[in-house]
C-alpha cells in the first residue's frame, strides 16, 4: 500500500520551506565559500552559518548532497521514494475509499520506485497544495514532484526545478453550469471565475482574458476541496483549470455542467526534480520514458512474460535480458544510469506501460488519448532509443 506522508500545514509548511530556501540562497549568493583559513575564524556570518548548520542537522533525513552520493544513492539507501502529489484531483491524485493514494500521477510515483528500488509500493506520498510545491521540492523534503505542475520557462529558470518527460499534454479550459447560458469565454464577460491561487491557470486567465478585453472577477482558492463547493453553491459562474481536471470533477458532480470549447494555453505536465543532480534526473526521466517505450513495443503487465524468448535485440536490451555481443557471447547490456539492468521489467510487471496507466486512471473519466497517444498513432508520446 502506498503510504501517506504527513500533510504539510498549508501556511506553516510553506514558510518553513521558504526559510530553508532563503538560508541556502543567502549562504551562497555572494559567491564566498566557508572560510578554511586558520583554526578559528570568526566573521559576521559565523552566527548565521552556525544556525544554518543546526537547521541542516535537524533535517538531515531530507537533505541530500552530491558528496553523499546524490539523491539516487540516498533514495536507494532509504528504501523509500518521497513523492509530492495531489490528494484532491480525481483520476490524477486522490485518496480512495480504502484510504490509499491512487491516480495517474501516483502511478508514476510507483513507476520511479519500481525502477529505483525494485518495489512500486515503496512510496511515501506527501499531498501538496499549489503554493507548497516548489518550496517543498527545493527544501529536499521530497525526491520528486508529480502533481499536475505545468512546465514553463520561468519555473524552469527561477524555481530551482528540473522538468522532465511530459506525462500528460493538457490545456486550460473553462467549465460552467449547463443552464448558465454561457457558450464560450466571450459570453463570460463580468462573471466571477473560480481559480486556484499560485498557479499558471490564474496567470493565463489574467493575460488572455485581459488581452481580449473580457472583464471578470477572480475568486481564488488554495485547494480544489475549497473551490468545488464554491462552484456548486454558485459563488462563481465559471471554473477554470486544466481541461482534464475539469472533466475529472465534472464526472463526480451532482449538477449538470458544460465544458466550453475554448482552450487558452499549453499545459505540459510531468515529474519535476530539484536542479543540480543530473544522475537523479536521468534515473527519473528514463523510468518514466520506459512506460512509453513499453507501450510502443506492445509489452504490458499481462504479457511481459511472453517476451522472455523474444528474438528482438531491442526488446531484450530494454527488458534487461541477455543479448548476443556479436562474438557469440550472451551479455546483459548495462544502461549506465545507476539503475538495475532490469528496471524496465520491474516497472512494467509492477505498474504497467503508459497505455495501461492511462486506461486505468483516466479512461473512466471519458478522457481520450488525444495528444497523449503514441507518436505512431498521431500523438506526442515519443522517447529516445533505449540502447
Protein backbone atom coordinates (compact mmCIF):
# COMPACT_ATOMS: atom_id res chain seq x y z
CA UNK A 1 0.00 0.00 0.00
CA UNK A 2 1.27 3.47 -0.86
CA UNK A 3 2.00 5.31 2.33
CA UNK A 4 0.67 8.75 3.01
CA UNK A 5 3.06 11.42 4.19
CA UNK A 6 2.15 13.83 6.92
CA UNK A 7 0.10 16.55 5.27
CA UNK A 8 2.03 19.80 5.48
CA UNK A 9 0.39 22.68 7.26
CA UNK A 10 -0.90 24.91 4.50
CA UNK A 11 0.83 28.03 5.78
CA UNK A 12 3.48 26.97 8.25
CA UNK A 13 4.85 24.34 5.87
CA UNK A 14 5.35 26.87 3.12
CA UNK A 15 7.00 29.36 5.46
CA UNK A 16 9.36 26.70 6.81
CA UNK A 17 10.27 25.53 3.33
CA UNK A 18 10.83 29.08 2.12
CA UNK A 19 13.03 29.69 5.14
CA UNK A 20 15.20 26.73 4.18
CA UNK A 21 15.47 28.01 0.63
CA UNK A 22 16.29 31.53 1.80
CA UNK A 23 19.02 30.19 4.07
CA UNK A 24 20.54 28.21 1.23
CA UNK A 25 20.43 31.21 -1.11
CA UNK A 26 21.87 33.68 1.39
CA UNK A 27 24.82 31.42 2.19
CA UNK A 28 25.92 31.19 -1.43
CA UNK A 29 24.63 34.28 -3.20
CA UNK A 30 27.79 36.30 -2.65
CA UNK A 31 29.94 33.56 -4.13
CA UNK A 32 32.04 33.10 -0.98
CA UNK A 33 32.71 29.64 0.38
CA UNK A 34 33.15 28.79 4.05
CA UNK A 35 36.41 30.10 5.48
CA UNK A 36 39.13 27.48 5.88
CA UNK A 37 41.88 29.88 6.97
CA UNK A 38 43.14 29.23 10.48
CA UNK A 39 41.63 27.06 13.16
CA UNK A 40 39.03 29.51 14.38
CA UNK A 41 37.91 32.31 12.13
CA UNK A 42 35.04 34.46 13.39
CA UNK A 43 33.13 36.64 10.92
CA UNK A 44 29.81 38.44 10.91
CA UNK A 45 28.39 35.44 9.05
CA UNK A 46 29.51 32.87 11.67
CA UNK A 47 26.29 33.04 13.68
CA UNK A 48 24.11 32.68 10.59
CA UNK A 49 26.26 29.84 9.27
CA UNK A 50 26.05 28.04 12.62
CA UNK A 51 22.27 28.40 12.67
CA UNK A 52 22.07 27.10 9.13
CA UNK A 53 24.22 24.13 10.10
CA UNK A 54 21.94 23.39 13.04
CA UNK A 55 18.91 23.51 10.75
CA UNK A 56 20.64 21.18 8.31
CA UNK A 57 21.48 18.72 11.08
CA UNK A 58 17.87 18.72 12.26
CA UNK A 59 16.73 17.96 8.72
CA UNK A 60 19.46 15.51 7.79
CA UNK A 61 16.86 12.92 6.88
CA UNK A 62 15.69 15.06 3.96
CA UNK A 63 18.89 16.87 2.93
CA UNK A 64 20.74 15.21 0.07
CA UNK A 65 24.18 16.29 -1.12
CA UNK A 66 26.35 15.29 -4.02
CA UNK A 67 29.16 14.38 -1.61
CA UNK A 68 26.88 11.76 -0.06
CA UNK A 69 26.37 10.14 -3.46
CA UNK A 70 23.45 12.21 -4.69
CA UNK A 71 19.74 11.68 -4.33
CA UNK A 72 19.68 8.40 -6.24
CA UNK A 73 22.01 6.83 -3.68
CA UNK A 74 20.05 8.44 -0.84
CA UNK A 75 16.72 7.07 -2.07
CA UNK A 76 18.20 3.62 -2.51
CA UNK A 77 19.72 3.76 0.98
CA UNK A 78 16.42 4.93 2.50
CA UNK A 79 14.47 2.23 0.68
CA UNK A 80 11.55 4.57 0.04
CA UNK A 81 10.71 7.27 -2.52
CA UNK A 82 9.36 10.56 -1.18
CA UNK A 83 6.89 11.80 -3.78
CA UNK A 84 4.99 15.09 -3.70
CA UNK A 85 1.48 14.62 -5.05
CA UNK A 86 -2.16 15.63 -5.01
CA UNK A 87 -4.96 14.17 -2.92
CA UNK A 88 -7.93 16.09 -4.32
CA UNK A 89 -7.80 15.56 -8.10
CA UNK A 90 -9.87 12.62 -9.40
CA UNK A 91 -8.04 10.49 -11.91
CA UNK A 92 -4.64 12.02 -11.17
CA UNK A 93 -4.11 12.04 -7.42
CA UNK A 94 -6.71 11.24 -4.78
CA UNK A 95 -7.20 9.19 -1.64
CA UNK A 96 -9.53 6.31 -2.45
CA UNK A 97 -12.22 4.68 -0.34
CA UNK A 98 -9.62 2.40 1.26
CA UNK A 99 -7.51 5.34 2.41
CA UNK A 100 -4.75 4.82 -0.15
CA UNK A 101 -3.42 7.19 -2.78
CA UNK A 102 -4.35 6.37 -6.35
CA UNK A 103 -4.35 8.06 -9.75
CA UNK A 104 -2.34 8.69 -12.89
CA UNK A 105 0.32 10.82 -11.17
CA UNK A 106 0.50 8.45 -8.21
CA UNK A 107 1.17 5.59 -10.62
CA UNK A 108 4.19 7.47 -11.92
CA UNK A 109 5.47 7.74 -8.34
CA UNK A 110 5.18 3.94 -8.34
CA UNK A 111 6.98 3.74 -11.68
CA UNK A 112 10.01 5.54 -10.25
CA UNK A 113 10.00 3.42 -7.09
CA UNK A 114 9.85 0.23 -9.19
CA UNK A 115 12.82 1.40 -11.27
CA UNK A 116 14.99 2.70 -8.44
CA UNK A 117 14.04 0.34 -5.61
CA UNK A 118 12.52 -2.64 -7.38
CA UNK A 119 9.33 -2.12 -5.38
CA UNK A 120 6.50 0.02 -6.74
CA UNK A 121 4.88 0.20 -3.29
CA UNK A 122 7.95 1.73 -1.60
CA UNK A 123 6.48 5.21 -1.92
CA UNK A 124 5.56 7.83 0.63
CA UNK A 125 3.23 10.45 -0.87
CA UNK A 126 3.06 13.92 0.62
CA UNK A 127 -0.05 15.82 -0.52
CA UNK A 128 0.75 19.40 -1.52
CA UNK A 129 -1.36 22.40 -2.46
CA UNK A 130 -0.11 24.50 -5.35
CA UNK A 131 1.77 27.05 -3.23
CA UNK A 132 3.72 24.32 -1.44
CA UNK A 133 5.07 22.53 -4.50
CA UNK A 134 8.34 24.26 -5.27
CA UNK A 135 9.35 25.25 -1.70
CA UNK A 136 8.90 21.62 -0.64
CA UNK A 137 10.92 20.35 -3.61
CA UNK A 138 13.66 22.93 -3.02
CA UNK A 139 13.94 22.07 0.67
CA UNK A 140 14.64 18.41 -0.08
CA UNK A 141 11.59 17.11 1.75
CA UNK A 142 10.52 15.22 -1.37
CA UNK A 143 12.60 13.45 -4.00
CA UNK A 144 10.27 14.18 -6.90
CA UNK A 145 7.16 16.26 -7.53
CA UNK A 146 4.44 14.62 -9.62
CA UNK A 147 1.40 16.80 -9.19
CA UNK A 148 -0.25 18.49 -12.21
CA UNK A 149 2.55 21.05 -12.44
CA UNK A 150 2.98 22.90 -15.73
CA UNK A 151 6.41 23.17 -17.32
CA UNK A 152 7.14 26.84 -18.07
CA UNK A 153 10.27 28.86 -18.84
CA UNK A 154 10.03 30.94 -15.67
CA UNK A 155 9.61 27.89 -13.46
CA UNK A 156 12.48 26.13 -15.19
CA UNK A 157 14.67 29.17 -14.59
CA UNK A 158 13.54 30.59 -11.26
CA UNK A 159 12.23 27.72 -9.14
CA UNK A 160 15.42 25.61 -8.96
CA UNK A 161 13.37 22.97 -10.74
CA UNK A 162 14.24 20.47 -13.47
CA UNK A 163 11.20 19.45 -15.54
CA UNK A 164 11.40 16.02 -17.13
CA UNK A 165 9.45 13.90 -19.65
CA UNK A 166 5.91 15.18 -20.07
CA UNK A 167 3.42 12.53 -18.99
CA UNK A 168 0.26 14.44 -19.91
CA UNK A 169 -0.24 17.17 -22.50
CA UNK A 170 -3.11 19.36 -21.37
CA UNK A 171 -4.61 22.81 -21.92
CA UNK A 172 -6.52 25.30 -19.81
CA UNK A 173 -10.28 25.29 -20.20
CA UNK A 174 -13.46 26.61 -18.59
CA UNK A 175 -16.48 24.89 -17.08
CA UNK A 176 -19.94 26.34 -16.36
CA UNK A 177 -23.28 25.03 -15.17
CA UNK A 178 -25.24 23.59 -18.10
CA UNK A 179 -28.05 26.12 -17.63
CA UNK A 180 -25.74 29.15 -17.38
CA UNK A 181 -26.31 30.37 -20.93
CA UNK A 182 -22.53 30.73 -21.35
CA UNK A 183 -21.35 29.03 -24.54
CA UNK A 184 -17.80 30.45 -24.79
CA UNK A 185 -15.49 32.67 -22.78
CA UNK A 186 -16.69 35.60 -24.89
CA UNK A 187 -20.01 35.15 -23.04
CA UNK A 188 -18.24 35.19 -19.66
CA UNK A 189 -17.92 38.97 -19.51
CA UNK A 190 -18.47 40.36 -15.99
CA UNK A 191 -18.70 36.90 -14.43
CA UNK A 192 -16.90 35.58 -11.36
CA UNK A 193 -14.39 32.86 -12.17
CA UNK A 194 -13.18 30.31 -9.61
CA UNK A 195 -9.45 29.53 -9.86
CA UNK A 196 -6.64 28.09 -7.74
CA UNK A 197 -4.17 30.62 -6.41
CA UNK A 198 -0.45 30.35 -7.15
CA UNK A 199 -0.99 28.59 -10.48
CA UNK A 200 -0.28 29.21 -14.15
CA UNK A 201 -4.05 28.90 -14.53
CA UNK A 202 -4.52 32.24 -12.79
CA UNK A 203 -1.74 33.88 -14.80
CA UNK A 204 -3.12 32.57 -18.11
CA UNK A 205 -6.63 33.75 -17.31
CA UNK A 206 -5.47 37.23 -16.37
CA UNK A 207 -3.36 37.51 -19.53
CA UNK A 208 -5.72 36.01 -22.11
CA UNK A 209 -8.99 37.49 -20.87
CA UNK A 210 -7.23 40.80 -20.31
CA UNK A 211 -5.88 40.77 -23.87
CA UNK A 212 -9.37 40.02 -25.20
CA UNK A 213 -10.99 42.78 -23.17
CA UNK A 214 -13.21 40.42 -21.18
CA UNK A 215 -13.81 41.85 -17.69
CA UNK A 216 -14.18 39.33 -14.87
CA UNK A 217 -13.68 38.86 -11.15
CA UNK A 218 -11.31 36.14 -9.95
CA UNK A 219 -12.32 34.18 -6.87
CA UNK A 220 -9.17 32.43 -5.65
CA UNK A 221 -8.88 29.25 -3.60
CA UNK A 222 -5.92 27.34 -2.22
CA UNK A 223 -7.27 23.87 -2.99
CA UNK A 224 -9.96 22.12 -5.01
CA UNK A 225 -11.55 20.99 -1.74
CA UNK A 226 -12.47 24.66 -1.22
CA UNK A 227 -13.12 25.57 -4.85
CA UNK A 228 -15.53 22.79 -5.76
CA UNK A 229 -18.23 23.57 -3.15
CA UNK A 230 -17.97 27.27 -4.04
CA UNK A 231 -18.72 26.45 -7.69
CA UNK A 232 -21.60 24.17 -6.74
CA UNK A 233 -23.00 26.90 -4.47
CA UNK A 234 -22.83 29.33 -7.43
CA UNK A 235 -20.36 31.66 -5.77
CA UNK A 236 -18.80 31.77 -9.24
CA UNK A 237 -20.33 31.20 -12.65
CA UNK A 238 -17.17 29.78 -14.23
CA UNK A 239 -14.49 27.33 -13.09
CA UNK A 240 -11.16 27.42 -14.90
CA UNK A 241 -8.44 24.77 -14.71
CA UNK A 242 -6.68 22.25 -16.92
CA UNK A 243 -9.28 20.70 -19.21
CA UNK A 244 -8.52 17.23 -17.87
CA UNK A 245 -9.16 18.40 -14.31
CA UNK A 246 -12.48 19.94 -15.28
CA UNK A 247 -13.55 16.69 -16.93
CA UNK A 248 -12.49 14.77 -13.82
CA UNK A 249 -14.50 16.97 -11.49
CA UNK A 250 -17.50 17.14 -13.84
CA UNK A 251 -17.73 13.35 -13.71
CA UNK A 252 -18.10 13.49 -9.92
CA UNK A 253 -20.51 16.43 -9.54
CA UNK A 254 -24.24 16.10 -8.88
CA UNK A 255 -25.02 19.04 -11.16
CA UNK A 256 -25.09 19.26 -14.96
CA UNK A 257 -22.08 21.08 -16.34
CA UNK A 258 -20.69 22.13 -19.68
CA UNK A 259 -17.00 22.48 -20.59
CA UNK A 260 -16.54 25.36 -23.01
CA UNK A 261 -14.70 24.78 -26.31
CA UNK A 262 -12.10 27.44 -25.54
CA UNK A 263 -8.57 26.17 -24.73
CA UNK A 264 -6.32 29.11 -23.93
CA UNK A 265 -2.93 27.55 -23.12
CA UNK A 266 -0.49 24.68 -23.43
CA UNK A 267 -0.09 22.75 -20.18
CA UNK A 268 2.65 20.08 -20.35
CA UNK A 269 2.55 18.15 -17.07
CA UNK A 270 5.11 15.72 -15.70
CA UNK A 271 7.67 14.92 -13.00
CA UNK A 272 9.89 17.63 -11.55
CA UNK A 273 13.12 17.21 -9.57
CA UNK A 274 15.39 19.78 -7.96
CA UNK A 275 18.17 21.31 -10.03
CA UNK A 276 21.75 20.20 -9.53
CA UNK A 277 21.60 16.40 -9.60
CA UNK A 278 21.90 15.10 -13.16
CA UNK A 279 22.13 11.44 -12.16
CA UNK A 280 18.83 11.57 -10.27
CA UNK A 281 17.12 13.49 -13.07
CA UNK A 282 18.25 10.90 -15.61
CA UNK A 283 17.07 7.99 -13.45
CA UNK A 284 13.61 9.53 -13.02
CA UNK A 285 13.37 10.53 -16.67
CA UNK A 286 14.27 7.13 -18.11
CA UNK A 287 11.98 5.37 -15.66
CA UNK A 288 9.06 7.45 -16.92
CA UNK A 289 10.07 7.04 -20.56
CA UNK A 290 10.22 3.26 -20.12
CA UNK A 291 6.43 3.18 -19.78
CA UNK A 292 6.06 4.87 -23.17
CA UNK A 293 8.62 2.63 -24.86
CA UNK A 294 6.93 -0.43 -23.39
CA UNK A 295 3.63 0.56 -24.97
CA UNK A 296 5.37 1.11 -28.29
CA UNK A 297 6.88 -2.38 -28.05
CA UNK A 298 3.47 -3.80 -27.13
CA UNK A 299 4.73 -5.02 -23.75
CA UNK A 300 2.15 -4.96 -20.95
CA UNK A 301 1.97 -6.16 -17.37
CA UNK A 302 -0.09 -9.08 -18.63
CA UNK A 303 2.13 -10.31 -21.46
CA UNK A 304 5.64 -9.36 -20.33
CA UNK A 305 6.47 -12.98 -19.54
CA UNK A 306 5.99 -13.96 -23.17
CA UNK A 307 8.87 -11.70 -24.22
CA UNK A 308 11.48 -13.80 -22.39
CA UNK A 309 12.08 -15.69 -25.65
CA UNK A 310 11.92 -12.67 -27.93
CA UNK A 311 14.48 -12.57 -30.71
CA UNK A 312 14.24 -8.79 -30.99
CA UNK A 313 17.53 -7.49 -29.59
CA UNK A 314 15.98 -4.08 -28.87
CA UNK A 315 13.27 -5.61 -26.72
CA UNK A 316 15.74 -7.91 -24.97
CA UNK A 317 18.04 -4.98 -24.19
CA UNK A 318 15.08 -2.95 -22.95
CA UNK A 319 13.95 -5.71 -20.57
CA UNK A 320 17.44 -6.43 -19.28
CA UNK A 321 17.60 -9.85 -20.95
CA UNK A 322 20.84 -11.37 -22.34
CA UNK A 323 21.80 -10.37 -25.87
CA UNK A 324 24.49 -11.55 -28.28
CA UNK A 325 27.58 -9.33 -28.08
CA UNK A 326 28.49 -10.11 -31.69
CA UNK A 327 31.11 -12.67 -30.72
CA UNK A 328 28.66 -15.39 -29.80
CA UNK A 329 28.61 -14.45 -26.12
CA UNK A 330 25.44 -13.62 -24.24
CA UNK A 331 25.74 -10.45 -22.19
CA UNK A 332 23.36 -8.15 -20.38
CA UNK A 333 23.75 -4.56 -21.54
CA UNK A 334 24.45 -2.01 -18.82
CA UNK A 335 22.25 1.06 -19.04
CA UNK A 336 24.71 3.32 -17.20
CA UNK A 337 22.00 5.22 -15.33
CA UNK A 338 22.63 3.90 -11.84
CA UNK A 339 19.56 1.70 -12.28
CA UNK A 340 19.33 -2.10 -12.33
CA UNK A 341 19.56 -3.62 -15.81
CA UNK A 342 16.02 -4.97 -15.40
CA UNK A 343 14.49 -1.67 -14.24
CA UNK A 344 12.09 -1.54 -17.19
CA UNK A 345 10.91 -5.07 -16.47
CA UNK A 346 10.19 -4.11 -12.87
CA UNK A 347 8.20 -1.09 -13.99
CA UNK A 348 6.05 -2.94 -16.50
CA UNK A 349 5.39 -6.02 -14.37
CA UNK A 350 4.51 -3.99 -11.27
CA UNK A 351 2.78 -0.89 -12.70
CA UNK A 352 2.23 -1.37 -16.44
CA UNK A 353 3.01 0.57 -19.59
CA UNK A 354 1.83 4.10 -20.35
CA UNK A 355 -1.36 2.94 -22.06
CA UNK A 356 -2.29 0.75 -19.09
CA UNK A 357 -1.71 3.62 -16.67
CA UNK A 358 -3.84 5.93 -18.80
CA UNK A 359 -6.66 3.43 -19.22
CA UNK A 360 -6.73 2.54 -15.55
CA UNK A 361 -6.96 6.11 -14.29
CA UNK A 362 -8.20 8.47 -16.99
CA UNK A 363 -10.34 6.46 -19.39
CA UNK A 364 -13.05 6.08 -16.69
CA UNK A 365 -13.35 9.89 -16.78
CA UNK A 366 -14.02 9.72 -20.54
CA UNK A 367 -10.68 11.35 -21.32
CA UNK A 368 -9.39 10.35 -24.75
CA UNK A 369 -5.71 9.91 -25.54
CA UNK A 370 -5.60 12.85 -27.99
CA UNK A 371 -2.08 14.33 -27.95
CA UNK A 372 -1.15 11.75 -25.31
CA UNK A 373 -1.30 8.94 -27.86
CA UNK A 374 1.93 7.37 -29.10
CA UNK A 375 3.67 9.15 -31.95
CA UNK A 376 2.88 6.12 -34.09
CA UNK A 377 -0.81 6.88 -33.54
CA UNK A 378 -0.53 10.60 -34.27
CA UNK A 379 0.16 11.70 -30.70
CA UNK A 380 3.12 13.38 -28.96
CA UNK A 381 4.41 10.45 -26.92
CA UNK A 382 7.88 9.83 -28.34
CA UNK A 383 11.03 8.87 -26.44
CA UNK A 384 14.73 8.39 -27.30
CA UNK A 385 16.11 4.92 -28.06
CA UNK A 386 16.76 2.53 -25.17
CA UNK A 387 20.25 1.41 -26.18
